[in-house]
Amino acid sequence: MSVSQKKITSILSGVIAMLSLSACNGILEDIYDAPRPEDTLTYGFIAVDDNTHTGRIYLDATDYTEWHYIDLHGKSVTTASVDAEAPANWDLAIHRYDAKTNGGAVTESAAAGFGMLPAISSIPAEAFVTDKWTTDKITVDMSQMMDGIIRYAEDWYNPCLSGWLHVDTSTMPPVYTLSGKIYLLRLPDGTCAALRLTDFMNDAAVKGFMTIDYLYPIQP
């Protein structure tokens, strides 16, 4: 082999090696290298501050067939099918954007922040809304939506707390509007929590990822 042929062979070998490396770091990057950013996120109770009794709850509520049961007392989240029994301990539950309570009641406040909440004792009892039984709110199957068929689960539903996100389906695509309000949840044991939905999407703009800021318990 001549000197010039050896040079050409060496150059071609280098180009092939570079292309191979590029393929591994490009097309195959998501398969073999670092996981997608969403896979590294922590769900459940995050950014918990025991001194101020505040924190954040982050949920993957993209699946229409699941409830996410939140235990504010134990700072835990249990996910279960809409057809399954609820866990032993829970205070509120989230299905997509829907919410229900475990025998609690909710009212919407006008406070701009957790530090400006009114005294719970100053709120009349009739201002708190209890859960309602519903047969047409909890969507579990939209596969036949184009044919006008949507399947719902029969379950309890809190219309006040579920008002934290309004979905206008009169236009396509639907328009999503956060209320930005702080909701006060009164639990059966007499304690109260403050809840605010701050986002319903992840960083990739996928809807159904719920970010809830909370204060619990609210000090008397």
Protein backbone atom coordinates (compact mmCIF):
# COMPACT_ATOMS: atom_id res chain seq x y z
CA MET A 1 0.00 0.00 0.00
CA SER A 2 1.37 3.40 -0.94
CA VAL A 3 1.90 6.24 1.52
CA SER A 4 -1.02 8.18 0.04
CA GLN A 5 -3.32 5.16 0.34
CA LYS A 6 -2.33 4.74 4.00
CA LYS A 7 -3.18 8.38 4.66
CA ILE A 8 -6.61 8.01 3.01
CA THR A 9 -7.31 4.84 5.02
CA SER A 10 -6.31 6.60 8.26
CA ILE A 11 -8.56 9.58 7.49
CA LEU A 12 -11.54 7.34 6.67
CA SER A 13 -11.04 5.40 9.92
CA GLY A 14 -11.07 8.64 11.88
CA VAL A 15 -14.25 9.86 10.16
CA ILE A 16 -16.03 6.55 10.88
CA ALA A 17 -15.00 6.74 14.55
CA MET A 18 -16.30 10.29 14.83
CA LEU A 19 -19.62 9.34 13.20
CA SER A 20 -19.99 6.40 15.57
CA LEU A 21 -19.35 8.62 18.58
CA SER A 22 -21.81 11.18 17.27
CA ALA A 23 -24.49 8.52 16.92
CA CYS A 24 -24.02 7.36 20.50
CA ASN A 25 -24.18 10.91 21.85
CA GLY A 26 -27.04 11.99 19.59
CA ILE A 27 -29.63 9.57 18.25
CA LEU A 28 -29.05 6.97 20.97
CA GLU A 29 -28.41 9.44 23.77
CA ASP A 30 -31.84 9.08 25.41
CA ILE A 31 -31.59 5.28 25.37
CA TYR A 32 -28.13 4.57 26.64
CA ASP A 33 -26.89 7.68 28.40
CA ALA A 34 -28.43 10.12 30.89
CA PRO A 35 -32.16 9.64 31.58
CA ARG A 36 -34.69 12.22 30.51
CA PRO A 37 -34.97 15.14 32.98
CA GLU A 38 -38.51 14.07 33.98
CA ASP A 39 -37.22 10.66 35.08
CA THR A 40 -34.93 12.25 37.67
CA LEU A 41 -37.62 14.32 39.39
CA THR A 42 -38.96 13.48 42.83
CA TYR A 43 -42.70 13.06 43.28
CA GLY A 44 -44.70 13.41 46.47
CA PHE A 45 -43.77 15.79 49.28
CA ILE A 46 -40.83 18.00 48.34
CA ALA A 47 -39.29 21.23 49.71
CA VAL A 48 -40.77 20.48 53.14
CA ASP A 49 -40.01 23.05 55.85
CA ASP A 50 -41.02 21.72 59.26
CA ASN A 51 -40.34 25.07 60.89
CA THR A 52 -42.93 26.94 58.82
CA HIS A 53 -45.17 23.88 58.23
CA THR A 54 -45.01 24.54 54.50
CA GLY A 55 -43.97 22.49 51.52
CA ARG A 56 -44.80 21.39 48.02
CA ILE A 57 -46.49 18.31 46.60
CA TYR A 58 -45.58 17.27 43.05
CA LEU A 59 -47.76 14.66 41.32
CA ASP A 60 -47.76 12.86 38.01
CA ALA A 61 -51.54 12.90 37.54
CA THR A 62 -51.45 12.29 33.80
CA ASP A 63 -53.23 8.91 34.08
CA TYR A 64 -57.01 9.28 34.01
CA THR A 65 -57.46 5.93 35.75
CA GLU A 66 -55.70 6.86 38.99
CA TRP A 67 -56.38 8.72 42.23
CA HIS A 68 -53.43 10.12 44.19
CA TYR A 69 -54.26 10.00 47.91
CA ILE A 70 -52.43 12.63 49.94
CA ASP A 71 -51.85 12.17 53.67
CA LEU A 72 -50.98 15.59 55.08
CA HIS A 73 -50.50 14.14 58.55
CA GLY A 74 -47.92 11.56 57.44
CA LYS A 75 -46.58 13.50 54.42
CA SER A 76 -47.13 10.63 52.01
CA VAL A 77 -48.86 9.98 48.70
CA THR A 78 -50.51 6.70 47.69
CA THR A 79 -51.56 6.08 44.09
CA ALA A 80 -54.44 3.71 43.39
CA SER A 81 -56.82 2.82 40.58
CA VAL A 82 -60.13 4.68 40.45
CA ASP A 83 -61.79 1.30 41.06
CA ALA A 84 -59.66 0.43 44.09
CA GLU A 85 -60.40 1.15 47.72
CA ALA A 86 -58.82 4.23 49.27
CA PRO A 87 -55.87 3.72 51.66
CA ALA A 88 -56.44 3.78 55.39
CA ASN A 89 -54.99 7.27 55.92
CA TRP A 90 -55.53 10.19 53.56
CA ASP A 91 -56.81 13.77 53.69
CA LEU A 92 -57.37 14.73 50.05
CA ALA A 93 -57.01 13.02 46.71
CA ILE A 94 -56.25 14.19 43.19
CA HIS A 95 -57.49 12.71 39.92
CA ARG A 96 -56.00 14.64 37.03
CA TYR A 97 -57.32 18.11 38.04
CA ASP A 98 -60.22 16.84 40.15
CA ALA A 99 -60.07 16.76 43.92
CA LYS A 100 -61.94 15.10 46.76
CA THR A 101 -61.51 15.07 50.54
CA ASN A 102 -61.74 12.41 53.22
CA GLY A 103 -64.75 13.84 55.02
CA GLY A 104 -63.39 17.38 54.88
CA ALA A 105 -64.74 20.68 53.59
CA VAL A 106 -63.16 23.47 51.54
CA THR A 107 -63.52 27.20 51.10
CA GLU A 108 -61.77 29.62 48.76
CA SER A 109 -59.87 32.48 50.40
CA ALA A 110 -58.96 35.92 49.12
CA ALA A 111 -55.52 35.84 50.76
CA ALA A 112 -52.57 36.64 48.53
CA GLY A 113 -50.20 34.43 50.52
CA PHE A 114 -50.05 31.94 53.37
CA GLY A 115 -48.96 34.71 55.73
CA MET A 116 -52.15 36.67 55.09
CA LEU A 117 -54.75 33.98 55.74
CA PRO A 118 -57.77 34.87 57.88
CA ALA A 119 -58.32 33.17 61.20
CA ILE A 120 -60.24 29.96 60.60
CA SER A 121 -62.59 30.84 63.45
CA SER A 122 -63.64 33.98 61.56
CA ILE A 123 -64.94 31.99 58.58
CA PRO A 124 -68.61 30.97 58.83
CA ALA A 125 -69.27 27.25 58.72
CA GLU A 126 -71.58 27.61 55.72
CA ALA A 127 -68.68 28.93 53.64
CA PHE A 128 -67.09 25.48 53.62
CA VAL A 129 -68.13 23.15 50.81
CA THR A 130 -68.32 19.41 51.40
CA ASP A 131 -67.83 16.74 48.73
CA LYS A 132 -70.64 15.88 46.33
CA TRP A 133 -71.37 12.51 44.74
CA THR A 134 -70.88 12.74 40.99
CA THR A 135 -71.42 10.52 37.98
CA ASP A 136 -70.16 12.88 35.27
CA LYS A 137 -67.01 14.58 36.57
CA ILE A 138 -64.33 11.92 37.02
CA THR A 139 -63.26 11.12 33.44
CA VAL A 140 -61.55 7.74 33.11
CA ASP A 141 -61.73 6.94 29.38
CA MET A 142 -61.63 9.41 26.48
CA SER A 143 -60.69 6.94 23.74
CA GLN A 144 -64.10 7.36 22.08
CA MET A 145 -64.42 11.09 22.66
CA MET A 146 -64.62 11.82 18.91
CA ASP A 147 -67.74 9.66 18.83
CA GLY A 148 -69.24 11.61 21.71
CA ILE A 149 -68.56 8.85 24.24
CA ILE A 150 -66.70 9.58 27.49
CA ARG A 151 -66.62 7.13 30.38
CA TYR A 152 -66.84 8.49 33.92
CA ALA A 153 -66.31 6.94 37.34
CA GLU A 154 -68.88 7.46 40.07
CA ASP A 155 -67.14 9.01 43.04
CA TRP A 156 -67.00 11.89 45.49
CA TYR A 157 -65.81 15.25 44.21
CA ASN A 158 -65.18 18.61 45.87
CA PRO A 159 -66.41 21.35 43.52
CA CYS A 160 -64.71 24.13 45.48
CA LEU A 161 -61.21 22.68 45.56
CA SER A 162 -61.54 21.42 41.98
CA GLY A 163 -62.09 25.04 40.97
CA TRP A 164 -58.34 25.66 41.30
CA LEU A 165 -58.10 24.99 37.55
CA HIS A 166 -60.77 25.88 34.99
CA VAL A 167 -60.71 23.98 31.71
CA ASP A 168 -62.73 25.62 28.93
CA THR A 169 -63.53 22.96 26.34
CA SER A 170 -65.75 25.24 24.24
CA THR A 171 -62.70 25.96 22.07
CA MET A 172 -60.05 23.71 20.59
CA PRO A 173 -57.52 23.40 21.96
CA PRO A 174 -59.07 23.86 25.44
CA VAL A 175 -58.09 26.91 27.47
CA TYR A 176 -56.63 26.21 30.94
CA THR A 177 -56.85 28.91 33.61
CA LEU A 178 -55.34 28.64 37.08
CA SER A 179 -57.41 30.36 39.75
CA GLY A 180 -54.27 31.24 41.72
CA LYS A 181 -56.40 31.13 44.87
CA ILE A 182 -55.53 29.66 48.25
CA TYR A 183 -58.06 27.06 49.39
CA LEU A 184 -58.65 26.24 53.03
CA LEU A 185 -59.28 22.58 53.80
CA ARG A 186 -60.94 21.80 57.13
CA LEU A 187 -60.32 18.19 58.15
CA PRO A 188 -62.53 16.03 60.37
CA ASP A 189 -60.00 16.14 63.24
CA GLY A 190 -60.37 19.93 63.41
CA THR A 191 -57.04 20.81 61.82
CA CYS A 192 -56.89 22.95 58.68
CA ALA A 193 -54.63 23.16 55.65
CA ALA A 194 -54.02 25.86 53.05
CA LEU A 195 -53.54 24.67 49.47
CA ARG A 196 -52.67 26.43 46.23
CA LEU A 197 -52.24 24.83 42.81
CA THR A 198 -49.28 26.63 41.23
CA ASP A 199 -48.85 24.60 38.04
CA PHE A 200 -50.50 21.78 36.09
CA MET A 201 -47.70 21.07 33.59
CA ASN A 202 -44.12 19.87 33.69
CA ASP A 203 -41.14 21.62 32.07
CA ALA A 204 -41.99 19.99 28.74
CA ALA A 205 -45.52 21.49 28.89
CA VAL A 206 -47.13 18.07 29.38
CA LYS A 207 -50.42 18.61 31.21
CA GLY A 208 -51.37 16.62 34.29
CA PHE A 209 -48.25 17.24 36.39
CA MET A 210 -49.66 18.97 39.47
CA THR A 211 -47.63 21.27 41.71
CA ILE A 212 -49.41 22.08 44.98
CA ASP A 213 -48.02 24.41 47.63
CA TYR A 214 -49.37 23.79 51.10
CA LEU A 215 -49.38 25.02 54.69
CA TYR A 216 -50.32 22.39 57.29
CA PRO A 217 -51.37 22.63 59.95
CA ILE A 218 -52.56 26.21 60.03
CA GLN A 219 -51.74 27.56 63.46
CA PRO A 220 -54.75 28.87 65.44
